[in-house]
Amino acid sequence: MKKILIIALFLSIGLNVFLAYTFLVKGDTMAIPNDNRVAIITTKENKDFVMAEMRGFLETVKAINDGMIENNPEKIIVAAHKAGGAATEHAPAGLLKVLPIGFKKLGFDTHDKFDELAEAVKSRYDKDQTQKQLSSILGNCTSCHQSYKFETKQ
């Protein structure tokens, strides 16, 4: 009886590890010929959500840049908070399941960097430091676009 329980325990652990990897880490991806990026396969709704979020990042970067040109820290703070961690609360159900871990890390790190930029400007506005933080955010954007592309399920 103990042997059966031990075997069942190991089978259960193995199955749980496999399921956790499949649904939480790996995501739904495929390789594209002649394209080194990983295609993330998802629904049209999920793709549209991610594309809208990326457009929002660009709008935020422009607003931050405009705030630096106008020497307007308040404009920078408002824009950066808009793209910060609070923006992640509106993700559609099932989206995180299909995203590979590398994409998730870049996405959450980008939201965090917007929050960090807003807090740095709030505590002491330094145009050069803000520019460096904005460059770091754009580095995440570039890295993501070099690594991933979205495809919709048929």
N, C-alpha and C. Protein backbone atom coordinates (compact mmCIF):
# COMPACT_ATOMS: atom_id res chain seq x y z
N MET A 1 0.81 -1.19 0.00
CA MET A 1 0.00 0.00 0.00
C MET A 1 0.86 1.26 0.00
N LYS A 2 1.96 1.25 0.81
CA LYS A 2 2.86 2.41 0.85
C LYS A 2 3.51 2.65 -0.50
N LYS A 3 3.87 1.57 -1.21
CA LYS A 3 4.49 1.72 -2.53
C LYS A 3 3.53 2.39 -3.50
N ILE A 4 2.28 2.04 -3.45
CA ILE A 4 1.28 2.63 -4.35
C ILE A 4 1.12 4.11 -4.04
N LEU A 5 1.07 4.46 -2.77
CA LEU A 5 0.95 5.86 -2.39
C LEU A 5 2.18 6.66 -2.83
N ILE A 6 3.36 6.10 -2.67
CA ILE A 6 4.58 6.79 -3.07
C ILE A 6 4.61 6.99 -4.59
N ILE A 7 4.24 5.96 -5.32
CA ILE A 7 4.20 6.06 -6.79
C ILE A 7 3.16 7.11 -7.21
N ALA A 8 1.99 7.09 -6.58
CA ALA A 8 0.94 8.05 -6.91
C ALA A 8 1.41 9.48 -6.59
N LEU A 9 2.12 9.63 -5.48
CA LEU A 9 2.64 10.93 -5.10
C LEU A 9 3.62 11.46 -6.15
N PHE A 10 4.57 10.63 -6.59
CA PHE A 10 5.54 11.05 -7.59
C PHE A 10 4.87 11.34 -8.93
N LEU A 11 3.88 10.54 -9.31
CA LEU A 11 3.15 10.80 -10.55
C LEU A 11 2.41 12.14 -10.46
N SER A 12 1.81 12.39 -9.32
CA SER A 12 1.09 13.64 -9.12
C SER A 12 2.03 14.84 -9.17
N ILE A 13 3.17 14.73 -8.51
CA ILE A 13 4.15 15.82 -8.53
C ILE A 13 4.65 16.06 -9.95
N GLY A 14 4.97 14.99 -10.66
CA GLY A 14 5.43 15.11 -12.04
C GLY A 14 4.40 15.77 -12.93
N LEU A 15 3.15 15.37 -12.81
CA LEU A 15 2.08 15.96 -13.60
C LEU A 15 1.91 17.44 -13.27
N ASN A 16 1.96 17.78 -11.99
CA ASN A 16 1.83 19.19 -11.60
C ASN A 16 2.98 20.04 -12.12
N VAL A 17 4.20 19.52 -12.08
CA VAL A 17 5.34 20.25 -12.62
C VAL A 17 5.16 20.46 -14.12
N PHE A 18 4.75 19.43 -14.84
CA PHE A 18 4.52 19.53 -16.28
C PHE A 18 3.44 20.57 -16.58
N LEU A 19 2.34 20.53 -15.86
CA LEU A 19 1.25 21.48 -16.11
C LEU A 19 1.67 22.91 -15.77
N ALA A 20 2.39 23.08 -14.66
CA ALA A 20 2.86 24.42 -14.30
C ALA A 20 3.78 24.97 -15.38
N TYR A 21 4.70 24.14 -15.88
CA TYR A 21 5.60 24.58 -16.94
C TYR A 21 4.81 24.93 -18.20
N THR A 22 3.90 24.07 -18.59
CA THR A 22 3.15 24.26 -19.83
C THR A 22 2.29 25.52 -19.78
N PHE A 23 1.60 25.76 -18.68
CA PHE A 23 0.65 26.86 -18.63
C PHE A 23 1.18 28.14 -18.03
N LEU A 24 2.24 28.08 -17.23
CA LEU A 24 2.73 29.29 -16.58
C LEU A 24 4.06 29.79 -17.11
N VAL A 25 4.89 28.90 -17.61
CA VAL A 25 6.24 29.30 -18.02
C VAL A 25 6.36 29.34 -19.54
N LYS A 26 6.05 28.25 -20.19
CA LYS A 26 6.30 28.12 -21.62
C LYS A 26 5.46 29.06 -22.48
N GLY A 27 4.18 29.12 -22.24
CA GLY A 27 3.29 29.90 -23.10
C GLY A 27 3.04 29.17 -24.40
N ASP A 28 2.29 29.77 -25.30
CA ASP A 28 1.93 29.15 -26.57
C ASP A 28 2.72 29.85 -27.67
N THR A 29 3.82 29.24 -28.11
CA THR A 29 4.72 29.87 -29.07
C THR A 29 5.05 28.94 -30.21
N MET A 30 5.61 29.50 -31.28
CA MET A 30 6.14 28.70 -32.38
C MET A 30 7.22 29.51 -33.08
N ALA A 31 8.14 28.83 -33.74
CA ALA A 31 9.22 29.50 -34.48
C ALA A 31 8.70 29.89 -35.87
N ILE A 32 9.13 31.04 -36.37
CA ILE A 32 8.76 31.53 -37.69
C ILE A 32 9.96 31.37 -38.62
N PRO A 33 9.79 30.73 -39.79
CA PRO A 33 10.92 30.61 -40.72
C PRO A 33 11.44 31.98 -41.15
N ASN A 34 12.76 32.11 -41.26
CA ASN A 34 13.41 33.36 -41.68
C ASN A 34 13.13 34.53 -40.74
N ASP A 35 12.76 34.25 -39.53
CA ASP A 35 12.48 35.28 -38.54
C ASP A 35 12.93 34.72 -37.20
N ASN A 36 13.90 35.36 -36.57
CA ASN A 36 14.44 34.84 -35.32
C ASN A 36 13.54 35.10 -34.12
N ARG A 37 12.48 35.89 -34.33
CA ARG A 37 11.59 36.18 -33.21
C ARG A 37 10.70 34.97 -32.91
N VAL A 38 10.25 34.91 -31.69
CA VAL A 38 9.30 33.87 -31.28
C VAL A 38 7.90 34.42 -31.49
N ALA A 39 7.06 33.63 -32.14
CA ALA A 39 5.67 34.03 -32.35
C ALA A 39 4.86 33.58 -31.14
N ILE A 40 4.14 34.50 -30.55
CA ILE A 40 3.24 34.19 -29.45
C ILE A 40 1.85 34.02 -30.06
N ILE A 41 1.31 32.82 -29.90
CA ILE A 41 0.02 32.49 -30.50
C ILE A 41 -1.08 32.77 -29.48
N THR A 42 -2.02 33.62 -29.85
CA THR A 42 -3.09 33.97 -28.92
C THR A 42 -4.34 34.36 -29.68
N THR A 43 -5.38 34.70 -28.95
CA THR A 43 -6.62 35.14 -29.59
C THR A 43 -6.46 36.56 -30.11
N LYS A 44 -7.35 36.94 -31.00
CA LYS A 44 -7.34 38.31 -31.53
C LYS A 44 -7.54 39.33 -30.41
N GLU A 45 -8.42 39.02 -29.47
CA GLU A 45 -8.68 39.93 -28.36
C GLU A 45 -7.42 40.16 -27.51
N ASN A 46 -6.71 39.07 -27.20
CA ASN A 46 -5.48 39.21 -26.43
C ASN A 46 -4.42 39.98 -27.21
N LYS A 47 -4.29 39.68 -28.49
CA LYS A 47 -3.32 40.40 -29.32
C LYS A 47 -3.66 41.89 -29.36
N ASP A 48 -4.93 42.20 -29.57
CA ASP A 48 -5.36 43.60 -29.62
C ASP A 48 -5.06 44.31 -28.29
N PHE A 49 -5.25 43.61 -27.17
CA PHE A 49 -4.96 44.20 -25.87
C PHE A 49 -3.48 44.53 -25.75
N VAL A 50 -2.61 43.59 -26.12
CA VAL A 50 -1.16 43.81 -26.01
C VAL A 50 -0.72 44.92 -26.95
N MET A 51 -1.25 44.94 -28.17
CA MET A 51 -0.89 46.00 -29.12
C MET A 51 -1.33 47.37 -28.59
N ALA A 52 -2.51 47.44 -27.98
CA ALA A 52 -2.98 48.70 -27.41
C ALA A 52 -2.08 49.13 -26.25
N GLU A 53 -1.63 48.16 -25.45
CA GLU A 53 -0.74 48.49 -24.35
C GLU A 53 0.60 49.02 -24.88
N MET A 54 1.10 48.42 -25.95
CA MET A 54 2.35 48.90 -26.55
C MET A 54 2.19 50.30 -27.12
N ARG A 55 1.05 50.56 -27.76
CA ARG A 55 0.80 51.93 -28.25
C ARG A 55 0.75 52.89 -27.07
N GLY A 56 0.17 52.45 -25.97
CA GLY A 56 0.14 53.28 -24.76
C GLY A 56 1.53 53.59 -24.25
N PHE A 57 2.43 52.60 -24.32
CA PHE A 57 3.83 52.84 -23.94
C PHE A 57 4.43 53.96 -24.81
N LEU A 58 4.19 53.88 -26.12
CA LEU A 58 4.73 54.90 -27.01
C LEU A 58 4.15 56.28 -26.71
N GLU A 59 2.86 56.33 -26.45
CA GLU A 59 2.23 57.61 -26.11
C GLU A 59 2.82 58.16 -24.81
N THR A 60 3.10 57.26 -23.86
CA THR A 60 3.70 57.67 -22.60
C THR A 60 5.12 58.19 -22.81
N VAL A 61 5.90 57.49 -23.63
CA VAL A 61 7.27 57.93 -23.91
C VAL A 61 7.23 59.33 -24.54
N LYS A 62 6.31 59.56 -25.46
CA LYS A 62 6.20 60.88 -26.08
C LYS A 62 5.82 61.94 -25.04
N ALA A 63 4.86 61.61 -24.18
CA ALA A 63 4.44 62.58 -23.15
C ALA A 63 5.60 62.89 -22.19
N ILE A 64 6.38 61.86 -21.82
CA ILE A 64 7.53 62.09 -20.95
C ILE A 64 8.55 62.97 -21.66
N ASN A 65 8.80 62.67 -22.92
CA ASN A 65 9.75 63.48 -23.70
C ASN A 65 9.26 64.92 -23.80
N ASP A 66 7.97 65.10 -24.08
CA ASP A 66 7.41 66.46 -24.13
C ASP A 66 7.56 67.16 -22.79
N GLY A 67 7.33 66.42 -21.70
CA GLY A 67 7.49 67.00 -20.36
C GLY A 67 8.92 67.44 -20.10
N MET A 68 9.88 66.68 -20.61
CA MET A 68 11.29 67.07 -20.45
C MET A 68 11.59 68.32 -21.28
N ILE A 69 11.08 68.37 -22.50
CA ILE A 69 11.30 69.53 -23.36
C ILE A 69 10.68 70.79 -22.72
N GLU A 70 9.49 70.63 -22.14
CA GLU A 70 8.78 71.76 -21.52
C GLU A 70 9.25 72.03 -20.09
N ASN A 71 10.17 71.19 -19.59
CA ASN A 71 10.64 71.28 -18.21
C ASN A 71 9.44 71.24 -17.25
N ASN A 72 8.57 70.23 -17.48
CA ASN A 72 7.33 70.10 -16.73
C ASN A 72 7.30 68.74 -16.02
N PRO A 73 7.86 68.67 -14.81
CA PRO A 73 7.92 67.39 -14.09
C PRO A 73 6.54 66.78 -13.84
N GLU A 74 5.54 67.60 -13.59
CA GLU A 74 4.20 67.06 -13.31
C GLU A 74 3.66 66.28 -14.51
N LYS A 75 3.89 66.78 -15.70
CA LYS A 75 3.46 66.08 -16.91
C LYS A 75 4.17 64.72 -17.01
N ILE A 76 5.43 64.68 -16.66
CA ILE A 76 6.20 63.43 -16.69
C ILE A 76 5.64 62.44 -15.68
N ILE A 77 5.37 62.90 -14.48
CA ILE A 77 4.86 62.03 -13.42
C ILE A 77 3.51 61.42 -13.81
N VAL A 78 2.60 62.26 -14.29
CA VAL A 78 1.27 61.78 -14.69
C VAL A 78 1.39 60.74 -15.80
N ALA A 79 2.20 61.02 -16.80
CA ALA A 79 2.35 60.09 -17.93
C ALA A 79 2.97 58.78 -17.47
N ALA A 80 4.03 58.84 -16.68
CA ALA A 80 4.72 57.63 -16.26
C ALA A 80 3.83 56.75 -15.38
N HIS A 81 3.07 57.36 -14.48
CA HIS A 81 2.16 56.57 -13.63
C HIS A 81 1.10 55.85 -14.47
N LYS A 82 0.68 56.50 -15.54
CA LYS A 82 -0.35 55.90 -16.41
C LYS A 82 0.12 54.56 -16.98
N ALA A 83 1.41 54.44 -17.28
CA ALA A 83 1.94 53.20 -17.86
C ALA A 83 2.61 52.30 -16.81
N GLY A 84 2.53 52.67 -15.56
CA GLY A 84 3.16 51.90 -14.49
C GLY A 84 2.39 50.63 -14.15
N GLY A 85 2.66 50.11 -12.98
CA GLY A 85 2.09 48.84 -12.55
C GLY A 85 0.58 48.82 -12.50
N ALA A 86 -0.05 49.96 -12.27
CA ALA A 86 -1.52 50.01 -12.22
C ALA A 86 -2.14 49.59 -13.54
N ALA A 87 -1.42 49.77 -14.64
CA ALA A 87 -1.95 49.41 -15.96
C ALA A 87 -2.07 47.91 -16.14
N THR A 88 -1.38 47.12 -15.32
CA THR A 88 -1.41 45.67 -15.47
C THR A 88 -2.68 45.04 -14.92
N GLU A 89 -3.48 45.80 -14.20
CA GLU A 89 -4.67 45.25 -13.56
C GLU A 89 -5.81 44.99 -14.53
N HIS A 90 -5.69 45.42 -15.76
CA HIS A 90 -6.79 45.31 -16.72
C HIS A 90 -6.56 44.22 -17.76
N ALA A 91 -5.60 43.35 -17.55
CA ALA A 91 -5.29 42.31 -18.54
C ALA A 91 -6.46 41.33 -18.64
N PRO A 92 -6.80 40.93 -19.88
CA PRO A 92 -7.89 39.97 -20.05
C PRO A 92 -7.56 38.60 -19.46
N ALA A 93 -8.60 37.90 -19.06
CA ALA A 93 -8.43 36.55 -18.52
C ALA A 93 -7.79 35.66 -19.59
N GLY A 94 -6.84 34.86 -19.18
CA GLY A 94 -6.19 33.92 -20.09
C GLY A 94 -4.97 34.47 -20.80
N LEU A 95 -4.75 35.77 -20.75
CA LEU A 95 -3.61 36.35 -21.47
C LEU A 95 -2.29 35.88 -20.87
N LEU A 96 -2.14 35.97 -19.57
CA LEU A 96 -0.87 35.60 -18.95
C LEU A 96 -0.52 34.14 -19.20
N LYS A 97 -1.52 33.29 -19.37
CA LYS A 97 -1.28 31.87 -19.60
C LYS A 97 -0.52 31.62 -20.91
N VAL A 98 -0.80 32.40 -21.93
CA VAL A 98 -0.18 32.15 -23.24
C VAL A 98 1.15 32.88 -23.44
N LEU A 99 1.48 33.79 -22.55
CA LEU A 99 2.72 34.56 -22.71
C LEU A 99 3.91 33.79 -22.17
N PRO A 100 5.00 33.70 -22.94
CA PRO A 100 6.21 33.05 -22.42
C PRO A 100 6.81 33.89 -21.28
N ILE A 101 7.55 33.24 -20.42
CA ILE A 101 8.10 33.89 -19.22
C ILE A 101 8.98 35.08 -19.56
N GLY A 102 9.77 35.01 -20.64
CA GLY A 102 10.62 36.13 -21.02
C GLY A 102 9.82 37.36 -21.37
N PHE A 103 8.70 37.18 -22.06
CA PHE A 103 7.83 38.30 -22.42
C PHE A 103 7.21 38.91 -21.16
N LYS A 104 6.76 38.03 -20.26
CA LYS A 104 6.16 38.51 -19.01
C LYS A 104 7.17 39.33 -18.21
N LYS A 105 8.41 38.83 -18.13
CA LYS A 105 9.44 39.55 -17.37
C LYS A 105 9.69 40.93 -17.97
N LEU A 106 9.81 41.00 -19.30
CA LEU A 106 10.03 42.30 -19.94
C LEU A 106 8.85 43.24 -19.71
N GLY A 107 7.65 42.71 -19.84
CA GLY A 107 6.45 43.53 -19.67
C GLY A 107 6.33 44.10 -18.26
N PHE A 108 6.46 43.23 -17.26
CA PHE A 108 6.35 43.70 -15.88
C PHE A 108 7.50 44.63 -15.53
N ASP A 109 8.70 44.33 -16.03
CA ASP A 109 9.84 45.21 -15.77
C ASP A 109 9.61 46.59 -16.38
N THR A 110 9.02 46.65 -17.56
CA THR A 110 8.75 47.93 -18.21
C THR A 110 7.75 48.74 -17.39
N HIS A 111 6.68 48.09 -16.93
CA HIS A 111 5.72 48.79 -16.07
C HIS A 111 6.42 49.31 -14.80
N ASP A 112 7.26 48.47 -14.21
CA ASP A 112 8.00 48.89 -13.00
C ASP A 112 8.91 50.07 -13.28
N LYS A 113 9.57 50.07 -14.44
CA LYS A 113 10.47 51.17 -14.78
C LYS A 113 9.72 52.49 -14.94
N PHE A 114 8.50 52.44 -15.47
CA PHE A 114 7.69 53.66 -15.55
C PHE A 114 7.37 54.17 -14.15
N ASP A 115 7.01 53.26 -13.23
CA ASP A 115 6.75 53.67 -11.84
C ASP A 115 7.99 54.27 -11.20
N GLU A 116 9.15 53.64 -11.42
CA GLU A 116 10.41 54.14 -10.86
C GLU A 116 10.74 55.53 -11.40
N LEU A 117 10.51 55.73 -12.69
CA LEU A 117 10.76 57.05 -13.29
C LEU A 117 9.86 58.09 -12.64
N ALA A 118 8.57 57.77 -12.48
CA ALA A 118 7.63 58.72 -11.87
C ALA A 118 8.07 59.06 -10.45
N GLU A 119 8.47 58.06 -9.68
CA GLU A 119 8.90 58.31 -8.29
C GLU A 119 10.18 59.13 -8.24
N ALA A 120 11.11 58.87 -9.15
CA ALA A 120 12.36 59.64 -9.17
C ALA A 120 12.09 61.10 -9.51
N VAL A 121 11.21 61.33 -10.47
CA VAL A 121 10.87 62.72 -10.84
C VAL A 121 10.13 63.40 -9.70
N LYS A 122 9.26 62.65 -9.03
CA LYS A 122 8.49 63.20 -7.92
C LYS A 122 9.42 63.63 -6.77
N SER A 123 10.42 62.81 -6.49
CA SER A 123 11.31 63.14 -5.36
C SER A 123 12.32 64.22 -5.72
N ARG A 124 12.82 64.21 -6.96
CA ARG A 124 13.79 65.24 -7.38
C ARG A 124 13.95 65.14 -8.89
N TYR A 125 13.42 66.12 -9.60
CA TYR A 125 13.50 66.09 -11.06
C TYR A 125 14.90 66.45 -11.53
N ASP A 126 15.48 65.54 -12.29
CA ASP A 126 16.79 65.73 -12.91
C ASP A 126 16.64 65.26 -14.35
N LYS A 127 16.70 66.20 -15.28
CA LYS A 127 16.44 65.89 -16.68
C LYS A 127 17.37 64.80 -17.21
N ASP A 128 18.65 64.85 -16.86
CA ASP A 128 19.59 63.83 -17.34
C ASP A 128 19.24 62.45 -16.80
N GLN A 129 18.90 62.37 -15.53
CA GLN A 129 18.53 61.08 -14.93
C GLN A 129 17.24 60.56 -15.57
N THR A 130 16.28 61.45 -15.79
CA THR A 130 15.02 61.05 -16.43
C THR A 130 15.29 60.51 -17.83
N GLN A 131 16.18 61.16 -18.56
CA GLN A 131 16.53 60.70 -19.90
C GLN A 131 17.16 59.31 -19.86
N LYS A 132 18.02 59.06 -18.88
CA LYS A 132 18.64 57.74 -18.74
C LYS A 132 17.58 56.68 -18.43
N GLN A 133 16.63 57.01 -17.55
CA GLN A 133 15.58 56.05 -17.22
C GLN A 133 14.69 55.79 -18.43
N LEU A 134 14.40 56.83 -19.19
CA LEU A 134 13.59 56.67 -20.39
C LEU A 134 14.32 55.80 -21.42
N SER A 135 15.61 55.98 -21.53
CA SER A 135 16.41 55.16 -22.44
C SER A 135 16.38 53.69 -22.01
N SER A 136 16.41 53.44 -20.73
CA SER A 136 16.32 52.07 -20.23
C SER A 136 14.97 51.44 -20.59
N ILE A 137 13.90 52.22 -20.46
CA ILE A 137 12.57 51.74 -20.84
C ILE A 137 12.54 51.40 -22.32
N LEU A 138 13.09 52.29 -23.14
CA LEU A 138 13.11 52.04 -24.59
C LEU A 138 13.96 50.81 -24.92
N GLY A 139 14.98 50.54 -24.11
CA GLY A 139 15.77 49.32 -24.28
C GLY A 139 14.90 48.08 -24.10
N ASN A 140 14.00 48.12 -23.12
CA ASN A 140 13.06 47.00 -22.94
C ASN A 140 12.15 46.85 -24.16
N CYS A 141 11.65 47.97 -24.65
CA CYS A 141 10.77 47.93 -25.82
C CYS A 141 11.49 47.31 -27.02
N THR A 142 12.70 47.79 -27.26
CA THR A 142 13.49 47.28 -28.38
C THR A 142 13.76 45.79 -28.23
N SER A 143 14.15 45.38 -27.05
CA SER A 143 14.44 43.97 -26.79
C SER A 143 13.20 43.10 -27.03
N CYS A 144 12.08 43.57 -26.58
CA CYS A 144 10.83 42.82 -26.76
C CYS A 144 10.49 42.68 -28.24
N HIS A 145 10.55 43.78 -28.97
CA HIS A 145 10.20 43.74 -30.40
C HIS A 145 11.20 42.93 -31.22
N GLN A 146 12.43 42.85 -30.75
CA GLN A 146 13.43 42.01 -31.43
C GLN A 146 13.22 40.53 -31.13
N SER A 147 12.57 40.22 -30.02
CA SER A 147 12.44 38.84 -29.58
C SER A 147 11.10 38.20 -29.89
N TYR A 148 10.03 38.98 -29.96
CA TYR A 148 8.69 38.41 -30.04
C TYR A 148 7.85 39.05 -31.13
N LYS A 149 6.87 38.29 -31.60
CA LYS A 149 5.82 38.82 -32.45
C LYS A 149 4.54 38.06 -32.11
N PHE A 150 3.41 38.66 -32.40
CA PHE A 150 2.13 38.05 -32.07
C PHE A 150 1.46 37.49 -33.32
N GLU A 151 0.91 36.31 -33.17
CA GLU A 151 0.10 35.66 -34.20
C GLU A 151 -1.25 35.31 -33.56
N THR A 152 -2.30 35.37 -34.35
CA THR A 152 -3.61 35.00 -33.81
C THR A 152 -3.95 33.58 -34.20
N LYS A 153 -4.75 32.95 -33.33
CA LYS A 153 -5.24 31.61 -33.60
C LYS A 153 -6.26 31.69 -34.75
N GLN A 154 -6.25 30.70 -35.59
CA GLN A 154 -7.20 30.67 -36.71
C GLN A 154 -8.52 30.07 -36.31
